[in-house]
Protein backbone atom coordinates (compact mmCIF):
# COMPACT_ATOMS: atom_id res chain seq x y z
CA MET A 1 67.66 -162.68 -78.95
CA PRO A 2 64.14 -161.05 -78.83
CA SER A 3 61.34 -163.16 -77.25
CA ALA A 4 58.77 -165.26 -79.23
CA SER A 5 56.14 -162.52 -78.25
CA ASP A 6 57.98 -159.79 -79.97
CA ARG A 7 57.86 -161.49 -83.37
CA PRO A 8 54.37 -160.57 -84.35
CA ASP A 9 55.00 -156.80 -83.40
CA GLN A 10 58.14 -156.93 -85.49
CA ARG A 11 56.38 -158.30 -88.41
CA ARG A 12 53.65 -155.75 -88.13
CA ALA A 13 56.27 -153.03 -88.01
CA THR A 14 58.12 -154.41 -91.12
CA VAL A 15 54.88 -154.43 -92.96
CA ARG A 16 54.09 -150.86 -92.05
CA ARG A 17 57.42 -149.58 -93.20
CA ARG A 18 57.22 -151.35 -96.49
CA ARG A 19 53.71 -149.81 -97.18
CA ARG A 20 55.06 -146.30 -96.47
CA LEU A 21 58.05 -147.19 -98.77
CA VAL A 22 55.96 -148.17 -101.53
CA ALA A 23 53.48 -145.38 -100.99
CA ALA A 24 56.52 -142.94 -101.29
CA PHE A 25 56.99 -144.20 -105.03
CA THR A 26 53.66 -144.74 -106.33
CA ILE A 27 53.14 -143.07 -109.58
CA ALA A 28 50.17 -141.33 -110.04
CA VAL A 29 48.55 -141.16 -113.81
CA VAL A 30 46.56 -138.39 -115.31
CA VAL A 31 45.04 -139.32 -118.59
CA VAL A 32 43.83 -136.10 -120.57
CA PHE A 33 42.22 -136.30 -123.97
CA VAL A 34 43.08 -133.13 -125.81
CA GLY A 35 41.00 -133.23 -129.03
CA THR A 36 42.03 -136.47 -130.44
CA ALA A 37 45.51 -136.55 -128.99
CA LEU A 38 46.15 -138.66 -125.87
CA VAL A 39 48.54 -137.02 -123.31
CA VAL A 40 49.91 -139.01 -120.19
CA PHE A 41 51.18 -137.31 -117.22
CA ALA A 42 53.10 -139.31 -114.60
CA PHE A 43 54.58 -138.16 -111.23
CA PRO A 44 55.34 -139.54 -107.76
CA THR A 45 52.83 -138.91 -104.87
CA SER A 46 52.53 -140.09 -101.22
CA GLN A 47 48.70 -139.48 -101.52
CA ARG A 48 46.51 -141.12 -104.29
CA VAL A 49 46.12 -141.92 -107.73
CA VAL A 50 44.24 -139.38 -109.61
CA VAL A 51 42.59 -140.12 -113.09
CA VAL A 52 41.20 -137.13 -115.10
CA LYS A 53 39.24 -137.38 -118.47
CA VAL A 54 38.73 -134.14 -120.41
CA VAL A 55 36.87 -134.74 -123.77
CA LYS A 56 36.67 -131.68 -126.21
CA LYS A 57 33.06 -131.15 -127.64
CA ALA A 58 33.21 -132.08 -131.16
CA PRO A 59 32.05 -129.27 -133.62
CA PRO A 60 28.80 -129.32 -135.37
CA PRO A 61 28.87 -130.90 -138.87
CA THR A 62 29.29 -128.27 -141.53
CA ALA A 63 26.44 -127.50 -143.41
CA HIS A 64 26.41 -127.78 -147.25
CA PRO A 65 26.17 -124.22 -148.99
CA SER A 66 22.80 -124.88 -150.21
CA ALA A 67 21.51 -125.54 -146.61
CA ILE A 68 22.73 -122.27 -145.31
CA ASP A 69 19.89 -120.03 -144.10
CA HIS A 70 19.78 -116.57 -145.60
CA GLY A 71 16.68 -115.46 -143.72
CA GLN A 72 12.91 -116.15 -144.10
CA VAL A 73 11.22 -114.91 -147.09
CA SER A 74 7.78 -113.62 -146.41
CA PRO A 75 4.88 -115.24 -148.52
CA GLY A 76 4.29 -113.50 -151.75
CA ALA A 77 7.71 -111.72 -151.41
CA ALA A 78 9.14 -110.83 -155.05
CA SER A 79 11.89 -113.10 -156.11
CA ASP A 80 15.45 -112.12 -156.80
CA ALA A 81 14.83 -112.26 -160.55
CA GLN A 82 11.67 -110.13 -160.02
CA VAL A 83 13.67 -107.45 -158.24
CA ALA A 84 16.36 -107.46 -160.60
CA GLN A 85 13.93 -106.86 -163.51
CA GLU A 86 12.27 -104.02 -161.69
CA LEU A 87 15.62 -102.34 -160.87
CA LYS A 88 16.53 -102.80 -164.59
CA GLN A 89 13.14 -101.35 -165.77
CA THR A 90 13.82 -98.04 -163.52
CA GLU A 91 17.27 -97.43 -164.32
CA VAL A 92 18.53 -95.24 -166.97
CA ALA A 93 20.98 -97.20 -169.10
CA SER A 94 24.48 -95.69 -169.09
CA THR A 95 25.43 -96.86 -172.57
CA GLY A 96 22.36 -97.39 -174.42
CA GLY A 97 19.02 -99.16 -174.28
CA THR A 98 16.03 -97.82 -172.66
CA GLU A 99 15.10 -96.49 -169.13
CA THR A 100 11.92 -98.68 -168.91
CA GLY A 101 12.55 -101.52 -171.41
CA SER A 102 15.22 -103.95 -172.36
CA SER A 103 15.91 -102.75 -176.13
CA SER A 104 15.33 -99.89 -178.25
CA GLY A 105 12.53 -101.98 -179.95
CA SER A 106 10.39 -102.37 -176.68
CA VAL A 107 6.65 -101.81 -176.40
CA GLY A 108 5.70 -98.23 -176.34
CA GLY A 109 9.18 -97.21 -177.81
CA ALA A 110 9.60 -95.03 -180.56
CA LEU A 111 12.77 -96.09 -182.41
CA ASP A 112 13.14 -99.10 -184.62
CA ALA A 113 14.35 -102.31 -184.08
CA GLY A 114 17.83 -101.37 -185.66
CA ALA A 115 18.38 -98.11 -183.94
CA GLU A 116 20.54 -99.15 -181.35
CA ALA A 117 23.27 -101.11 -183.53
CA SER A 118 22.94 -98.17 -186.00
CA PHE A 119 23.61 -95.46 -183.35
CA SER A 120 26.79 -97.22 -182.10
CA GLN A 121 28.10 -96.97 -185.66
CA LEU A 122 26.89 -93.21 -185.88
CA ASN A 123 28.40 -92.29 -182.45
CA ARG A 124 32.05 -93.55 -183.78
CA THR A 125 31.61 -91.39 -186.83
CA LEU A 126 30.43 -88.15 -185.30
CA PRO A 127 32.71 -84.89 -184.27
CA GLU A 128 31.59 -85.35 -180.79
CA ARG A 129 29.94 -88.08 -178.96
CA VAL A 130 26.11 -87.42 -178.28
CA GLN A 131 23.46 -88.87 -175.92
CA ILE A 132 19.93 -89.09 -177.17
CA ALA A 133 16.47 -89.38 -175.28
CA VAL A 134 13.14 -90.20 -176.77
CA LEU A 135 9.80 -90.55 -174.96
CA PRO A 136 6.61 -90.83 -177.12
CA LEU A 137 3.81 -88.88 -175.33
CA SER A 138 1.69 -91.96 -175.65
CA SER A 139 4.22 -94.09 -173.55
CA ARG A 140 6.14 -93.81 -170.29
CA SER A 141 9.20 -95.56 -171.88
CA VAL A 142 11.93 -93.46 -172.03
CA GLN A 143 14.38 -94.64 -174.36
CA ILE A 144 18.17 -93.75 -174.16
CA LEU A 145 21.06 -93.90 -176.56
CA GLY A 146 24.49 -93.08 -175.58
CA GLY A 147 23.78 -92.41 -171.87
CA SER A 148 21.76 -89.95 -169.82
CA THR A 149 24.56 -87.97 -168.13
CA PRO A 150 23.43 -84.62 -166.26
CA ALA A 151 24.95 -81.78 -168.18
CA HIS A 152 24.48 -77.99 -168.29
CA GLY A 153 20.98 -77.06 -169.80
CA TRP A 154 22.06 -73.62 -170.87
CA SER A 155 19.30 -71.74 -172.80
CA THR A 156 17.19 -75.24 -173.12
CA THR A 157 16.22 -74.30 -169.37
CA LYS A 158 14.57 -70.88 -170.61
CA VAL A 159 11.49 -73.40 -171.66
CA PRO A 160 10.93 -74.53 -168.06
CA VAL A 161 11.27 -70.91 -166.79
CA LEU A 162 8.59 -69.80 -169.05
CA ALA A 163 6.36 -72.79 -168.03
CA ALA A 164 6.88 -71.84 -164.40
CA LEU A 165 6.05 -68.00 -164.87
CA LEU A 166 2.70 -68.97 -166.90
CA ARG A 167 1.64 -71.52 -164.14
CA ALA A 168 2.39 -68.92 -161.31
CA ARG A 169 0.37 -66.31 -163.31
CA GLY A 170 -2.85 -68.48 -163.39
CA SER A 171 -5.51 -67.03 -165.40
CA ARG A 172 -3.94 -63.76 -165.76
CA GLY A 173 -1.29 -64.67 -168.22
CA LEU A 174 1.48 -62.35 -169.63
CA THR A 175 1.27 -58.64 -170.19
CA SER A 176 2.30 -57.61 -173.58
CA SER A 177 5.71 -56.64 -172.81
CA GLU A 178 6.21 -59.86 -171.17
CA ASP A 179 4.91 -61.66 -174.16
CA ALA A 180 7.46 -59.92 -176.26
CA SER A 181 10.20 -60.95 -173.69
CA ALA A 182 9.04 -64.51 -173.90
CA ARG A 183 9.21 -64.57 -177.72
CA ALA A 184 12.50 -63.07 -177.76
CA ALA A 185 13.84 -65.41 -175.05
CA ILE A 186 12.71 -68.71 -176.97
CA THR A 187 12.71 -67.85 -180.66
CA ALA A 188 15.95 -65.79 -180.50
CA SER A 189 17.57 -67.25 -177.02
CA ASP A 190 17.85 -63.72 -175.81
CA ASN A 191 19.35 -63.71 -172.48
CA GLN A 192 18.18 -60.59 -171.17
CA SER A 193 14.66 -61.18 -172.36
CA ILE A 194 14.37 -64.06 -169.88
CA LEU A 195 16.17 -62.04 -167.15
CA ASN A 196 13.50 -59.40 -167.43
CA PHE A 197 11.16 -62.05 -165.52
CA LYS A 198 11.53 -61.29 -161.61
CA GLY A 199 10.36 -63.40 -159.00
CA GLY A 200 13.31 -63.86 -156.67
CA LEU A 201 16.11 -66.30 -157.45
CA VAL A 202 15.43 -69.00 -154.72
CA GLY A 203 11.74 -68.88 -154.90
CA ALA A 204 11.59 -68.91 -158.64
CA SER A 205 14.06 -71.74 -158.74
CA ALA A 206 12.14 -73.80 -156.21
CA TYR A 207 8.85 -73.01 -158.32
CA ILE A 208 10.82 -74.52 -161.56
CA GLU A 209 11.89 -77.46 -159.43
CA SER A 210 8.19 -78.18 -158.77
CA LEU A 211 7.56 -78.44 -162.42
CA PHE A 212 10.39 -80.94 -162.85
CA ARG A 213 8.69 -83.04 -160.06
CA LEU A 214 5.58 -82.92 -161.71
CA SER A 215 6.96 -84.20 -164.89
CA GLY A 216 8.18 -87.17 -162.97
CA ASP A 217 11.82 -85.93 -162.55
CA GLN A 218 13.02 -86.44 -158.98
CA GLN A 219 16.52 -85.76 -159.48
CA THR A 220 17.11 -82.15 -161.15
CA ILE A 221 18.02 -79.29 -158.85
CA VAL A 222 17.82 -75.81 -160.43
CA ALA A 223 20.98 -73.95 -160.17
CA THR A 224 21.14 -70.80 -157.75
CA ALA A 225 24.84 -69.90 -157.78
CA PRO A 226 26.45 -67.01 -159.65
CA PRO A 227 27.06 -68.21 -163.11
CA PRO A 228 30.85 -68.62 -164.09
CA SER A 229 32.76 -66.70 -166.78
CA GLY A 230 31.30 -67.18 -169.96
CA ALA A 231 27.77 -67.68 -168.71
CA VAL A 232 24.78 -65.46 -168.21
CA THR A 233 22.14 -66.98 -166.20
CA THR A 234 21.99 -69.21 -163.16
CA PHE A 235 19.05 -71.45 -164.06
CA GLY A 236 21.46 -72.22 -167.41
CA GLN A 237 24.06 -74.02 -165.00
CA THR A 238 21.13 -76.54 -164.04
CA GLU A 239 22.47 -80.12 -164.62
CA TRP A 240 19.65 -81.39 -166.59
CA SER A 241 19.91 -84.90 -168.20
CA PRO A 242 18.62 -86.03 -171.43
CA ALA A 243 15.88 -88.50 -169.74
CA ALA A 244 14.99 -85.76 -167.38
CA SER A 245 14.44 -83.32 -170.30
CA VAL A 246 12.17 -85.32 -172.30
CA LYS A 247 9.99 -86.24 -169.19
CA PHE A 248 9.56 -82.43 -168.78
CA MET A 249 8.90 -81.95 -172.64
CA SER A 250 6.40 -84.79 -172.68
CA ALA A 251 4.51 -83.46 -169.55
CA LEU A 252 4.46 -79.90 -171.16
CA GLY A 253 3.18 -81.50 -174.62
CA ARG A 254 0.50 -83.38 -172.71
CA GLY A 255 -0.81 -80.36 -170.74
CA CYS A 256 0.21 -81.61 -167.40
CA LEU A 257 2.35 -78.64 -166.11
CA VAL A 258 0.18 -75.64 -167.41
CA SER A 259 -3.17 -75.45 -169.43
CA SER A 260 -3.45 -76.81 -172.75
CA ALA A 261 -3.62 -73.13 -173.95
CA LYS A 262 -0.51 -72.10 -172.31
CA SER A 263 1.38 -75.44 -173.43
CA SER A 264 0.24 -74.45 -177.07
CA TYR A 265 1.68 -70.94 -176.54
CA ILE A 266 5.25 -72.18 -175.54
CA LEU A 267 5.16 -74.84 -178.26
CA GLY A 268 4.10 -72.19 -180.77
CA LEU A 269 7.14 -69.96 -179.70
CA MET A 270 9.31 -73.33 -180.09
CA GLN A 271 8.12 -73.67 -183.51
CA ASN A 272 9.08 -70.59 -184.83
CA ILE A 273 12.95 -70.52 -183.65
CA GLU A 274 14.86 -67.84 -185.86
CA ALA A 275 16.79 -69.47 -188.96
CA SER A 276 20.17 -68.85 -187.46
CA GLU A 277 19.47 -71.46 -184.61
CA SER A 278 17.58 -73.82 -186.78
CA TRP A 279 20.23 -76.31 -186.83
CA GLY A 280 19.98 -79.78 -185.39
CA LEU A 281 16.27 -80.57 -184.68
CA GLY A 282 15.28 -77.61 -186.82
CA SER A 283 16.77 -78.69 -189.99
CA ALA A 284 16.31 -82.61 -189.83
CA GLY A 285 13.17 -82.40 -191.99
CA PHE A 286 10.72 -83.42 -189.23
CA ARG A 287 7.03 -82.91 -190.61
CA SER A 288 6.50 -80.63 -187.54
CA VAL A 289 8.89 -80.00 -184.58
CA ALA A 290 8.99 -77.68 -181.65
CA PHE A 291 12.65 -77.36 -180.08
CA LYS A 292 14.98 -75.16 -178.12
CA GLY A 293 18.74 -74.96 -178.26
CA GLY A 294 21.26 -74.33 -175.60
CA TRP A 295 24.91 -74.04 -175.83
CA GLY A 296 27.86 -72.56 -173.70
CA PRO A 297 31.69 -73.20 -172.85
CA GLU A 298 32.43 -75.56 -170.39
CA ARG A 299 35.35 -75.25 -167.88
CA SER A 300 37.43 -77.23 -170.39
CA GLY A 301 37.04 -74.35 -172.81
CA ASN A 302 34.84 -76.89 -175.12
CA TYR A 303 31.28 -75.97 -176.06
CA LEU A 304 28.62 -78.16 -174.83
CA VAL A 305 25.38 -77.97 -177.46
CA ARG A 306 22.20 -79.49 -176.85
CA GLN A 307 18.25 -79.30 -177.87
CA VAL A 308 14.89 -80.51 -176.41
CA GLY A 309 12.00 -80.73 -178.49
CA ILE A 310 8.67 -82.47 -179.73
CA ILE A 311 8.02 -83.83 -183.06
CA ASN A 312 4.75 -84.21 -184.86
CA VAL A 313 3.18 -81.71 -182.36
CA GLY A 314 -0.35 -82.25 -181.77
CA SER A 315 -0.41 -85.56 -183.36
CA PRO A 316 -0.87 -89.07 -181.91
CA THR A 317 2.71 -89.89 -182.86
CA ALA A 318 4.17 -86.83 -180.93
CA ALA A 319 7.17 -87.73 -179.10
CA ALA A 320 9.83 -85.82 -177.06
CA LEU A 321 13.33 -85.69 -178.02
CA ALA A 322 16.77 -84.48 -176.50
CA ILE A 323 20.35 -84.67 -177.85
CA VAL A 324 23.35 -83.65 -175.87
CA THR A 325 26.78 -83.64 -177.13
CA LEU A 326 29.81 -84.45 -174.82
CA PRO A 327 31.81 -81.26 -175.29
CA SER A 328 35.22 -81.62 -177.02
CA GLY A 329 35.29 -78.84 -179.59
CA SER A 330 33.83 -75.38 -180.69
CA PHE A 331 30.09 -74.37 -181.10
CA ALA A 332 30.41 -75.03 -184.76
CA THR A 333 31.35 -78.78 -183.96
CA GLY A 334 28.59 -79.10 -181.57
CA THR A 335 26.28 -77.66 -184.11
CA GLU A 336 27.24 -80.09 -186.88
CA THR A 337 27.27 -82.93 -184.37
CA LEU A 338 23.55 -82.30 -183.37
CA THR A 339 22.38 -81.67 -187.14
CA ARG A 340 23.89 -85.22 -188.10
CA ALA A 341 22.50 -86.95 -184.91
CA ALA A 342 18.84 -85.27 -185.49
CA SER A 343 19.04 -86.44 -189.25
CA TRP A 344 19.83 -89.74 -188.00
CA LEU A 345 17.12 -89.91 -185.55
CA ARG A 346 14.41 -88.70 -188.45
CA SER A 347 15.28 -92.05 -190.11
CA HIS A 348 15.08 -94.12 -187.16
CA VAL A 349 12.32 -92.68 -184.90
CA ARG A 350 8.96 -94.43 -185.38
CA PRO A 351 6.30 -93.48 -182.70
CA LYS A 352 3.23 -95.60 -182.52
CA PRO A 353 -0.04 -93.61 -182.75
CA GLY A 354 -1.80 -93.73 -179.32
CA ALA A 355 -3.53 -91.32 -176.86
CA ASN A 356 -1.29 -89.40 -174.63
CA THR A 357 -0.68 -90.85 -171.28
CA SER A 358 -2.52 -89.51 -168.25
CA CYS A 359 -0.74 -86.89 -166.13
């Protein structure tokens, strides 16, 4: 039997053994918050109890669509509506309307209020589709009907060539032989006559382009590549839109490209086109008209036929016109289309009297 003095020691030893046994099976609890879910991990340990709390950061509240910041707007900046309107006013319409207005009856325009609807009906009945541009010399509002697609200028570009030559000559003017060539080139559309004017292809083309820029046309590039089969001149292959054409003719008529005397000389030639080429604007019955036609076979084999001109020459109601067919037939089909379109124009063009706009 153990002595009485041994009992306390035994009790203390027993307590220590029990504590070790309990510690060996103590359960550690780890509590983790993952998002909104509660996850509990339990495992035995002889060391300690560990409690860990991880809280996911809550996302910021979603903003209402109207409160999303799209950037700061400077004081005085144009509104979206103003920007849209300005774009509309400077864009050439692709299917009708005006370049600097919303309807064919806009202020400064030359077409009557019913022109746009009437033209839509006309274009459905013509042998070929046409595009028309109108620009009064007293206005900067180019009106477009049917679109303004750049297309080969053919012989209409003889007018810019002659204007560029006269501008380059300055006060010297043309010699008598050059005058004869100019007359044949414009009145009879003689190709060799215009080719008689020398000056270097690249240099002359750049000079013609400078006149386009003076007229307000920033897009047209004069062709310099060798002409394809069926064509004679390089410049005739220049892609010239109806809108750009009337800008040039308006600037020419206002004396902005060459002197008034030289402008009158060119327009005088354009008022004496020979009878065989006086279809279109030349046969529509305008009181006075200066015009030049151009035509030639496209890659499709169909003929593109077009004209540029000024009606009411020298009067307060003068207006520049351009008519271009979208080629789908022969030369005869194109001239018939232009003649009918020009007759329609005579019934609907009503330029308002006014002084010519400044250069």
